Amino acid sequence: MGIFSKLFEKEKGGATGTPCEPLAVYAPAEGTVIPLEEFPDEVFSQGILGPGCGILPTGKLVTAPFHGTVIQATDTLHAIGIQSDNGLELLIHVGVDTVDMGGKGFRYHVKHGQRVRLGDPLIGFDREVIRAAGHSDAIAVVVTNADEYAAVELQKTQAVSGGALILKARK
C-alpha cells in the first residue's frame, strides 16, 4: 500500500462512507440517543464505567463507531470493547442484565484483535429474544478511558441512523 492509499484510507469512512473525525464516536446502532443519566441501569446511568450515552435501538445490529480495533469480546456476546485509531476506548453493551442470557439472541461478526472500520458489523442481536427474557434492549455506549480527556460531550439526543455523530472527546 502506497503513501497516498494510507492517507486516503485514514480520511475515508468505512461501510457508511462517512469520514471519521479524530476523537469522535458515531452511532453504532439505529435508534434514539438518550443521555446516559436516563439509561435504565444504575451502573451506566451513574457513569460508574465512564461517560457516554444510551441508544434505544430500532434495528438489530451494532456497527463500528469509528476506525479501530476490537480489544474485548465477551463470551456472552452482548458487549464489545473497541479502541479507536487515536486511542479512544469504548464499551458497547447491548441490553440490561443480558449477560444472564449466556449469548442467546446475540451473534458476533468480529473477533478479539480484529481491525474494523466505521460502519462494519460488530454484533447482531434479536430484540424480541432480549425482551422475551425480561430485559431492556437499550444499548450503552461508554468511553472507558475518559480520564485521558478533558471532556466527553454528547452531540445529540434524537433519532439517529448508524454513522451519525453522537459523542466527541476533547483533549
N, C-alpha and C. Protein backbone atom coordinates (compact mmCIF):
# COMPACT_ATOMS: atom_id res chain seq x y z
N MET A 1 0.86 -1.17 0.00
CA MET A 1 0.00 0.00 0.00
C MET A 1 0.90 1.23 0.00
N GLY A 2 0.66 2.15 -0.91
CA GLY A 2 1.46 3.36 -1.02
C GLY A 2 1.03 4.42 -0.03
N ILE A 3 1.81 5.48 0.04
CA ILE A 3 1.55 6.57 0.98
C ILE A 3 0.19 7.23 0.71
N PHE A 4 -0.16 7.39 -0.56
CA PHE A 4 -1.44 8.02 -0.87
C PHE A 4 -2.61 7.13 -0.46
N SER A 5 -2.45 5.82 -0.63
CA SER A 5 -3.50 4.88 -0.20
C SER A 5 -3.69 4.95 1.30
N LYS A 6 -2.58 5.02 2.05
CA LYS A 6 -2.68 5.10 3.50
C LYS A 6 -3.36 6.39 3.94
N LEU A 7 -3.01 7.50 3.32
CA LEU A 7 -3.64 8.77 3.66
C LEU A 7 -5.12 8.75 3.33
N PHE A 8 -5.46 8.23 2.16
CA PHE A 8 -6.85 8.18 1.75
C PHE A 8 -7.66 7.28 2.67
N GLU A 9 -7.08 6.16 3.08
CA GLU A 9 -7.77 5.22 3.96
C GLU A 9 -8.13 5.87 5.29
N LYS A 10 -7.23 6.71 5.84
CA LYS A 10 -7.49 7.34 7.12
C LYS A 10 -8.62 8.37 7.03
N GLU A 11 -8.79 8.99 5.86
CA GLU A 11 -9.81 10.01 5.71
C GLU A 11 -11.16 9.43 5.31
N LYS A 12 -11.12 8.35 4.58
CA LYS A 12 -12.34 7.75 4.05
C LYS A 12 -13.09 6.99 5.14
N GLY A 13 -14.40 7.06 5.11
CA GLY A 13 -15.20 6.30 6.05
C GLY A 13 -15.24 4.84 5.66
N GLY A 14 -15.74 4.00 6.56
CA GLY A 14 -15.87 2.58 6.30
C GLY A 14 -17.15 2.30 5.54
N ALA A 15 -17.94 1.37 6.06
CA ALA A 15 -19.16 0.93 5.38
C ALA A 15 -20.16 2.08 5.18
N THR A 16 -20.12 3.08 6.03
CA THR A 16 -21.07 4.20 5.91
C THR A 16 -20.61 5.24 4.90
N GLY A 17 -19.31 5.28 4.60
CA GLY A 17 -18.76 6.30 3.71
C GLY A 17 -18.55 7.62 4.41
N THR A 18 -18.87 7.70 5.71
CA THR A 18 -18.71 8.92 6.49
C THR A 18 -17.26 9.07 6.92
N PRO A 19 -16.65 10.24 6.73
CA PRO A 19 -15.29 10.44 7.22
C PRO A 19 -15.26 10.37 8.75
N CYS A 20 -14.17 9.89 9.30
CA CYS A 20 -14.00 9.82 10.76
C CYS A 20 -13.25 11.03 11.26
N GLU A 21 -13.87 11.79 12.15
CA GLU A 21 -13.18 12.89 12.82
C GLU A 21 -12.38 12.31 13.97
N PRO A 22 -11.24 12.88 14.30
CA PRO A 22 -10.49 12.41 15.47
C PRO A 22 -11.33 12.56 16.74
N LEU A 23 -11.26 11.56 17.62
CA LEU A 23 -11.93 11.55 18.93
C LEU A 23 -13.45 11.65 18.83
N ALA A 24 -14.01 11.24 17.70
CA ALA A 24 -15.46 11.24 17.50
C ALA A 24 -15.99 9.82 17.59
N VAL A 25 -17.21 9.71 18.13
CA VAL A 25 -17.91 8.43 18.20
C VAL A 25 -19.19 8.59 17.40
N TYR A 26 -19.37 7.71 16.43
CA TYR A 26 -20.55 7.73 15.58
C TYR A 26 -21.52 6.65 16.05
N ALA A 27 -22.81 6.88 15.85
CA ALA A 27 -23.84 5.96 16.34
C ALA A 27 -23.57 4.53 15.86
N PRO A 28 -23.42 3.60 16.81
CA PRO A 28 -23.19 2.22 16.44
C PRO A 28 -24.48 1.43 16.19
N ALA A 29 -25.62 2.13 16.28
CA ALA A 29 -26.91 1.47 16.04
C ALA A 29 -27.95 2.52 15.68
N GLU A 30 -28.96 2.09 14.95
CA GLU A 30 -30.09 2.97 14.67
C GLU A 30 -30.99 3.01 15.89
N GLY A 31 -31.55 4.19 16.16
CA GLY A 31 -32.46 4.32 17.29
C GLY A 31 -32.46 5.74 17.81
N THR A 32 -32.89 5.90 19.06
CA THR A 32 -32.96 7.21 19.69
C THR A 32 -31.86 7.32 20.74
N VAL A 33 -31.02 8.34 20.59
CA VAL A 33 -29.94 8.59 21.55
C VAL A 33 -30.54 9.26 22.78
N ILE A 34 -30.15 8.75 23.95
CA ILE A 34 -30.60 9.33 25.22
C ILE A 34 -29.36 9.68 26.07
N PRO A 35 -29.47 10.68 26.94
CA PRO A 35 -28.36 10.95 27.86
C PRO A 35 -28.12 9.72 28.73
N LEU A 36 -26.88 9.49 29.09
CA LEU A 36 -26.55 8.32 29.90
C LEU A 36 -27.31 8.31 31.22
N GLU A 37 -27.59 9.49 31.76
CA GLU A 37 -28.34 9.59 33.03
C GLU A 37 -29.72 8.94 32.93
N GLU A 38 -30.26 8.81 31.73
CA GLU A 38 -31.58 8.22 31.52
C GLU A 38 -31.51 6.73 31.19
N PHE A 39 -30.31 6.15 31.16
CA PHE A 39 -30.16 4.74 30.81
C PHE A 39 -30.80 3.89 31.91
N PRO A 40 -31.51 2.81 31.54
CA PRO A 40 -32.26 2.02 32.53
C PRO A 40 -31.42 1.05 33.35
N ASP A 41 -30.22 1.44 33.72
CA ASP A 41 -29.37 0.62 34.59
C ASP A 41 -28.47 1.57 35.37
N GLU A 42 -28.41 1.42 36.70
CA GLU A 42 -27.69 2.37 37.54
C GLU A 42 -26.18 2.39 37.29
N VAL A 43 -25.58 1.26 36.99
CA VAL A 43 -24.14 1.23 36.75
C VAL A 43 -23.78 2.17 35.61
N PHE A 44 -24.58 2.14 34.57
CA PHE A 44 -24.34 3.03 33.43
C PHE A 44 -24.84 4.44 33.69
N SER A 45 -26.07 4.57 34.21
CA SER A 45 -26.67 5.90 34.37
C SER A 45 -25.91 6.78 35.35
N GLN A 46 -25.21 6.17 36.31
CA GLN A 46 -24.41 6.94 37.26
C GLN A 46 -23.01 7.21 36.74
N GLY A 47 -22.70 6.73 35.55
CA GLY A 47 -21.40 6.99 34.95
C GLY A 47 -20.26 6.23 35.60
N ILE A 48 -20.55 5.15 36.29
CA ILE A 48 -19.52 4.39 37.00
C ILE A 48 -18.46 3.85 36.04
N LEU A 49 -18.87 3.44 34.85
CA LEU A 49 -17.93 2.90 33.87
C LEU A 49 -17.36 3.97 32.95
N GLY A 50 -17.91 5.18 33.05
CA GLY A 50 -17.44 6.28 32.23
C GLY A 50 -18.60 7.04 31.61
N PRO A 51 -18.32 8.17 30.98
CA PRO A 51 -19.36 8.97 30.33
C PRO A 51 -19.75 8.37 28.98
N GLY A 52 -20.90 8.79 28.50
CA GLY A 52 -21.34 8.31 27.19
C GLY A 52 -22.80 8.63 26.97
N CYS A 53 -23.51 7.67 26.38
CA CYS A 53 -24.93 7.85 26.11
C CYS A 53 -25.58 6.47 25.97
N GLY A 54 -26.87 6.50 25.81
CA GLY A 54 -27.62 5.28 25.54
C GLY A 54 -28.29 5.39 24.19
N ILE A 55 -28.63 4.25 23.63
CA ILE A 55 -29.41 4.23 22.39
C ILE A 55 -30.55 3.25 22.59
N LEU A 56 -31.77 3.73 22.34
CA LEU A 56 -32.94 2.85 22.34
C LEU A 56 -33.07 2.36 20.90
N PRO A 57 -32.66 1.12 20.65
CA PRO A 57 -32.50 0.67 19.26
C PRO A 57 -33.81 0.42 18.53
N THR A 58 -33.75 0.65 17.23
CA THR A 58 -34.87 0.28 16.35
C THR A 58 -34.45 -0.84 15.41
N GLY A 59 -33.15 -1.09 15.33
CA GLY A 59 -32.63 -2.15 14.48
C GLY A 59 -32.10 -3.30 15.29
N LYS A 60 -31.31 -4.16 14.64
CA LYS A 60 -30.79 -5.36 15.28
C LYS A 60 -29.30 -5.56 15.03
N LEU A 61 -28.58 -4.44 14.82
CA LEU A 61 -27.17 -4.54 14.50
C LEU A 61 -26.38 -3.43 15.17
N VAL A 62 -25.24 -3.80 15.77
CA VAL A 62 -24.28 -2.84 16.30
C VAL A 62 -23.13 -2.80 15.31
N THR A 63 -22.74 -1.58 14.92
CA THR A 63 -21.65 -1.40 13.96
C THR A 63 -20.51 -0.61 14.60
N ALA A 64 -19.35 -0.66 13.96
CA ALA A 64 -18.19 0.05 14.48
C ALA A 64 -18.45 1.55 14.50
N PRO A 65 -18.20 2.21 15.64
CA PRO A 65 -18.45 3.64 15.79
C PRO A 65 -17.30 4.52 15.30
N PHE A 66 -16.22 3.90 14.83
CA PHE A 66 -15.05 4.59 14.29
C PHE A 66 -14.11 3.53 13.74
N HIS A 67 -13.01 3.96 13.14
CA HIS A 67 -11.97 3.03 12.70
C HIS A 67 -11.19 2.62 13.95
N GLY A 68 -10.93 1.33 14.12
CA GLY A 68 -10.19 0.90 15.29
C GLY A 68 -9.98 -0.59 15.34
N THR A 69 -9.81 -1.09 16.58
CA THR A 69 -9.51 -2.50 16.82
C THR A 69 -10.39 -3.01 17.96
N VAL A 70 -10.89 -4.23 17.81
CA VAL A 70 -11.67 -4.88 18.87
C VAL A 70 -10.69 -5.28 19.97
N ILE A 71 -10.88 -4.72 21.18
CA ILE A 71 -9.97 -5.01 22.29
C ILE A 71 -10.60 -5.90 23.35
N GLN A 72 -11.91 -6.11 23.27
CA GLN A 72 -12.58 -7.01 24.20
C GLN A 72 -13.81 -7.59 23.53
N ALA A 73 -13.98 -8.89 23.66
CA ALA A 73 -15.17 -9.58 23.14
C ALA A 73 -15.61 -10.58 24.20
N THR A 74 -16.79 -10.37 24.76
CA THR A 74 -17.26 -11.21 25.86
C THR A 74 -17.72 -12.58 25.36
N ASP A 75 -17.62 -13.58 26.22
CA ASP A 75 -18.11 -14.92 25.89
C ASP A 75 -19.63 -14.93 25.71
N THR A 76 -20.31 -13.99 26.34
CA THR A 76 -21.77 -13.94 26.27
C THR A 76 -22.29 -13.09 25.11
N LEU A 77 -21.39 -12.57 24.29
CA LEU A 77 -21.70 -11.92 23.01
C LEU A 77 -22.52 -10.64 23.10
N HIS A 78 -22.79 -10.14 24.30
CA HIS A 78 -23.68 -8.98 24.47
C HIS A 78 -22.93 -7.65 24.55
N ALA A 79 -21.61 -7.68 24.62
CA ALA A 79 -20.84 -6.45 24.78
C ALA A 79 -19.52 -6.58 24.04
N ILE A 80 -18.97 -5.42 23.70
CA ILE A 80 -17.70 -5.42 22.97
C ILE A 80 -16.93 -4.16 23.35
N GLY A 81 -15.62 -4.29 23.41
CA GLY A 81 -14.74 -3.15 23.64
C GLY A 81 -13.98 -2.87 22.35
N ILE A 82 -13.88 -1.60 22.01
CA ILE A 82 -13.19 -1.21 20.78
C ILE A 82 -12.35 0.03 21.07
N GLN A 83 -11.17 0.07 20.47
CA GLN A 83 -10.28 1.21 20.64
C GLN A 83 -10.08 1.88 19.28
N SER A 84 -10.27 3.20 19.26
CA SER A 84 -10.11 3.94 18.01
C SER A 84 -8.63 4.04 17.65
N ASP A 85 -8.38 4.39 16.41
CA ASP A 85 -7.00 4.55 15.95
C ASP A 85 -6.25 5.62 16.73
N ASN A 86 -6.99 6.57 17.35
CA ASN A 86 -6.31 7.62 18.12
C ASN A 86 -6.44 7.41 19.63
N GLY A 87 -6.80 6.18 20.06
CA GLY A 87 -6.73 5.81 21.47
C GLY A 87 -8.00 5.87 22.29
N LEU A 88 -9.10 6.34 21.74
CA LEU A 88 -10.35 6.40 22.48
C LEU A 88 -10.87 4.98 22.68
N GLU A 89 -11.17 4.61 23.93
CA GLU A 89 -11.66 3.26 24.24
C GLU A 89 -13.15 3.33 24.55
N LEU A 90 -13.90 2.42 23.94
CA LEU A 90 -15.35 2.44 24.04
C LEU A 90 -15.88 1.07 24.40
N LEU A 91 -16.84 1.03 25.31
CA LEU A 91 -17.60 -0.17 25.61
C LEU A 91 -18.98 0.01 24.99
N ILE A 92 -19.41 -0.99 24.22
CA ILE A 92 -20.77 -1.00 23.69
C ILE A 92 -21.44 -2.21 24.31
N HIS A 93 -22.48 -1.97 25.10
CA HIS A 93 -23.15 -3.01 25.87
C HIS A 93 -24.61 -3.07 25.44
N VAL A 94 -25.03 -4.20 24.88
CA VAL A 94 -26.40 -4.35 24.38
C VAL A 94 -27.28 -4.94 25.47
N GLY A 95 -28.27 -4.16 25.89
CA GLY A 95 -29.25 -4.62 26.86
C GLY A 95 -28.84 -4.41 28.30
N VAL A 96 -29.80 -4.66 29.17
CA VAL A 96 -29.59 -4.54 30.61
C VAL A 96 -29.69 -5.95 31.19
N ASP A 97 -28.66 -6.36 31.92
CA ASP A 97 -28.57 -7.70 32.52
C ASP A 97 -28.59 -8.82 31.48
N THR A 98 -28.21 -8.51 30.25
CA THR A 98 -28.22 -9.51 29.18
C THR A 98 -27.07 -10.51 29.31
N VAL A 99 -26.14 -10.26 30.22
CA VAL A 99 -25.10 -11.26 30.50
C VAL A 99 -25.77 -12.56 30.94
N ASP A 100 -26.93 -12.44 31.60
CA ASP A 100 -27.67 -13.61 32.09
C ASP A 100 -28.17 -14.50 30.95
N MET A 101 -28.21 -13.98 29.75
CA MET A 101 -28.75 -14.74 28.61
C MET A 101 -27.73 -15.71 28.02
N GLY A 102 -26.48 -15.62 28.46
CA GLY A 102 -25.46 -16.56 28.02
C GLY A 102 -25.21 -16.59 26.52
N GLY A 103 -25.48 -15.48 25.86
CA GLY A 103 -25.24 -15.40 24.41
C GLY A 103 -26.45 -15.66 23.55
N LYS A 104 -27.53 -16.15 24.15
CA LYS A 104 -28.75 -16.42 23.37
C LYS A 104 -29.30 -15.11 22.80
N GLY A 105 -29.52 -15.07 21.50
CA GLY A 105 -30.04 -13.88 20.85
C GLY A 105 -28.97 -12.93 20.35
N PHE A 106 -27.68 -13.31 20.51
CA PHE A 106 -26.57 -12.45 20.10
C PHE A 106 -25.64 -13.20 19.16
N ARG A 107 -24.98 -12.44 18.28
CA ARG A 107 -24.01 -13.03 17.35
C ARG A 107 -22.91 -12.01 17.07
N TYR A 108 -21.66 -12.42 17.26
CA TYR A 108 -20.54 -11.56 16.89
C TYR A 108 -20.27 -11.68 15.40
N HIS A 109 -19.91 -10.56 14.81
CA HIS A 109 -19.46 -10.52 13.42
C HIS A 109 -17.94 -10.32 13.35
N VAL A 110 -17.32 -10.15 14.53
CA VAL A 110 -15.88 -9.88 14.63
C VAL A 110 -15.29 -10.72 15.74
N LYS A 111 -13.96 -10.67 15.86
CA LYS A 111 -13.29 -11.37 16.96
C LYS A 111 -12.28 -10.43 17.62
N HIS A 112 -11.84 -10.82 18.79
CA HIS A 112 -10.85 -10.04 19.53
C HIS A 112 -9.62 -9.81 18.66
N GLY A 113 -9.13 -8.57 18.67
CA GLY A 113 -7.93 -8.21 17.92
C GLY A 113 -8.19 -7.82 16.47
N GLN A 114 -9.41 -7.96 16.01
CA GLN A 114 -9.73 -7.65 14.61
C GLN A 114 -9.77 -6.14 14.37
N ARG A 115 -9.24 -5.72 13.27
CA ARG A 115 -9.30 -4.32 12.83
C ARG A 115 -10.67 -4.08 12.19
N VAL A 116 -11.31 -2.96 12.53
CA VAL A 116 -12.62 -2.62 11.96
C VAL A 116 -12.60 -1.19 11.45
N ARG A 117 -13.53 -0.92 10.57
CA ARG A 117 -13.70 0.43 10.02
C ARG A 117 -15.11 0.91 10.37
N LEU A 118 -15.27 2.21 10.43
CA LEU A 118 -16.57 2.81 10.73
C LEU A 118 -17.66 2.14 9.92
N GLY A 119 -18.69 1.65 10.61
CA GLY A 119 -19.84 1.04 9.96
C GLY A 119 -19.76 -0.46 9.78
N ASP A 120 -18.60 -1.07 10.06
CA ASP A 120 -18.50 -2.53 9.94
C ASP A 120 -19.39 -3.19 10.99
N PRO A 121 -20.08 -4.29 10.66
CA PRO A 121 -20.90 -5.01 11.65
C PRO A 121 -20.06 -5.57 12.79
N LEU A 122 -20.54 -5.38 14.04
CA LEU A 122 -19.87 -5.90 15.23
C LEU A 122 -20.71 -6.98 15.91
N ILE A 123 -21.96 -6.64 16.25
CA ILE A 123 -22.83 -7.55 16.99
C ILE A 123 -24.22 -7.55 16.35
N GLY A 124 -24.74 -8.71 16.08
CA GLY A 124 -26.15 -8.85 15.71
C GLY A 124 -26.91 -9.25 16.97
N PHE A 125 -28.10 -8.72 17.15
CA PHE A 125 -28.89 -9.06 18.34
C PHE A 125 -30.37 -9.12 17.98
N ASP A 126 -31.09 -9.96 18.70
CA ASP A 126 -32.52 -10.14 18.46
C ASP A 126 -33.28 -9.46 19.59
N ARG A 127 -33.87 -8.32 19.28
CA ARG A 127 -34.57 -7.53 20.30
C ARG A 127 -35.72 -8.30 20.93
N GLU A 128 -36.40 -9.11 20.13
CA GLU A 128 -37.53 -9.88 20.66
C GLU A 128 -37.07 -10.92 21.68
N VAL A 129 -35.94 -11.58 21.41
CA VAL A 129 -35.40 -12.57 22.35
C VAL A 129 -34.97 -11.89 23.65
N ILE A 130 -34.36 -10.72 23.53
CA ILE A 130 -33.94 -9.97 24.72
C ILE A 130 -35.16 -9.59 25.56
N ARG A 131 -36.17 -9.06 24.92
CA ARG A 131 -37.39 -8.66 25.65
C ARG A 131 -38.13 -9.86 26.24
N ALA A 132 -38.16 -10.97 25.49
CA ALA A 132 -38.83 -12.18 25.98
C ALA A 132 -38.14 -12.71 27.24
N ALA A 133 -36.84 -12.44 27.38
CA ALA A 133 -36.09 -12.85 28.57
C ALA A 133 -36.30 -11.86 29.72
N GLY A 134 -37.09 -10.81 29.48
CA GLY A 134 -37.41 -9.85 30.52
C GLY A 134 -36.39 -8.73 30.68
N HIS A 135 -35.60 -8.48 29.64
CA HIS A 135 -34.57 -7.45 29.71
C HIS A 135 -34.85 -6.29 28.77
N SER A 136 -34.31 -5.14 29.11
CA SER A 136 -34.34 -3.98 28.20
C SER A 136 -33.31 -4.22 27.11
N ASP A 137 -33.61 -3.74 25.90
CA ASP A 137 -32.66 -3.87 24.79
C ASP A 137 -31.85 -2.58 24.58
N ALA A 138 -31.91 -1.65 25.52
CA ALA A 138 -31.16 -0.39 25.42
C ALA A 138 -29.66 -0.67 25.30
N ILE A 139 -28.98 0.13 24.50
CA ILE A 139 -27.55 -0.04 24.26
C ILE A 139 -26.79 1.09 24.96
N ALA A 140 -25.82 0.71 25.80
CA ALA A 140 -24.94 1.69 26.45
C ALA A 140 -23.70 1.88 25.58
N VAL A 141 -23.31 3.14 25.39
CA VAL A 141 -22.11 3.49 24.63
C VAL A 141 -21.27 4.35 25.58
N VAL A 142 -20.16 3.78 26.10
CA VAL A 142 -19.44 4.40 27.19
C VAL A 142 -17.95 4.52 26.87
N VAL A 143 -17.38 5.70 27.10
CA VAL A 143 -15.94 5.92 26.95
C VAL A 143 -15.28 5.45 28.24
N THR A 144 -14.49 4.39 28.15
CA THR A 144 -13.91 3.79 29.35
C THR A 144 -12.57 4.39 29.77
N ASN A 145 -11.95 5.17 28.90
CA ASN A 145 -10.71 5.84 29.29
C ASN A 145 -10.88 7.37 29.28
N ALA A 146 -12.03 7.81 29.76
CA ALA A 146 -12.37 9.23 29.76
C ALA A 146 -11.42 10.07 30.60
N ASP A 147 -10.73 9.45 31.56
CA ASP A 147 -9.79 10.20 32.39
C ASP A 147 -8.61 10.74 31.57
N GLU A 148 -8.44 10.28 30.35
CA GLU A 148 -7.38 10.77 29.47
C GLU A 148 -7.80 12.00 28.67
N TYR A 149 -9.05 12.44 28.86
CA TYR A 149 -9.59 13.56 28.08
C TYR A 149 -10.15 14.63 29.00
N ALA A 150 -10.14 15.87 28.52
CA ALA A 150 -10.70 16.99 29.29
C ALA A 150 -12.21 16.85 29.42
N ALA A 151 -12.85 16.32 28.36
CA ALA A 151 -14.30 16.17 28.39
C ALA A 151 -14.73 15.16 27.32
N VAL A 152 -15.87 14.55 27.58
CA VAL A 152 -16.57 13.73 26.59
C VAL A 152 -17.96 14.34 26.49
N GLU A 153 -18.29 14.86 25.31
CA GLU A 153 -19.53 15.62 25.15
C GLU A 153 -20.53 14.90 24.25
N LEU A 154 -21.76 14.84 24.73
CA LEU A 154 -22.87 14.29 23.95
C LEU A 154 -23.21 15.28 22.85
N GLN A 155 -23.31 14.81 21.63
CA GLN A 155 -23.55 15.70 20.49
C GLN A 155 -25.02 15.84 20.12
N LYS A 156 -25.82 14.81 20.40
CA LYS A 156 -27.25 14.92 20.09
C LYS A 156 -28.04 13.89 20.86
N THR A 157 -29.31 14.23 21.12
CA THR A 157 -30.27 13.30 21.70
C THR A 157 -31.49 13.34 20.80
N GLN A 158 -31.55 12.40 19.92
CA GLN A 158 -32.66 12.32 18.96
C GLN A 158 -32.55 11.00 18.22
N ALA A 159 -33.49 10.76 17.33
CA ALA A 159 -33.41 9.56 16.50
C ALA A 159 -32.23 9.71 15.54
N VAL A 160 -31.43 8.65 15.44
CA VAL A 160 -30.26 8.66 14.57
C VAL A 160 -30.19 7.37 13.77
N SER A 161 -29.50 7.46 12.66
CA SER A 161 -29.16 6.25 11.92
C SER A 161 -27.70 5.95 12.23
N GLY A 162 -27.26 4.74 11.92
CA GLY A 162 -25.87 4.39 12.13
C GLY A 162 -24.97 5.38 11.41
N GLY A 163 -23.91 5.79 12.05
CA GLY A 163 -22.97 6.71 11.42
C GLY A 163 -23.15 8.17 11.79
N ALA A 164 -24.21 8.53 12.53
CA ALA A 164 -24.41 9.92 12.96
C ALA A 164 -23.48 10.21 14.15
N LEU A 165 -22.89 11.39 14.18
CA LEU A 165 -22.01 11.78 15.28
C LEU A 165 -22.81 11.89 16.57
N ILE A 166 -22.38 11.13 17.63
CA ILE A 166 -23.12 11.17 18.89
C ILE A 166 -22.28 11.63 20.08
N LEU A 167 -20.97 11.36 20.06
CA LEU A 167 -20.10 11.76 21.16
C LEU A 167 -18.80 12.33 20.59
N LYS A 168 -18.19 13.23 21.34
CA LYS A 168 -16.89 13.78 20.94
C LYS A 168 -16.07 13.99 22.21
N ALA A 169 -14.84 13.50 22.16
CA ALA A 169 -13.92 13.71 23.29
C ALA A 169 -13.03 14.90 22.96
N ARG A 170 -12.61 15.62 24.01
CA ARG A 170 -11.70 16.75 23.86
C ARG A 170 -10.48 16.50 24.72
N LYS A 171 -9.30 16.76 24.15
CA LYS A 171 -8.03 16.63 24.90
C LYS A 171 -7.88 17.79 25.85
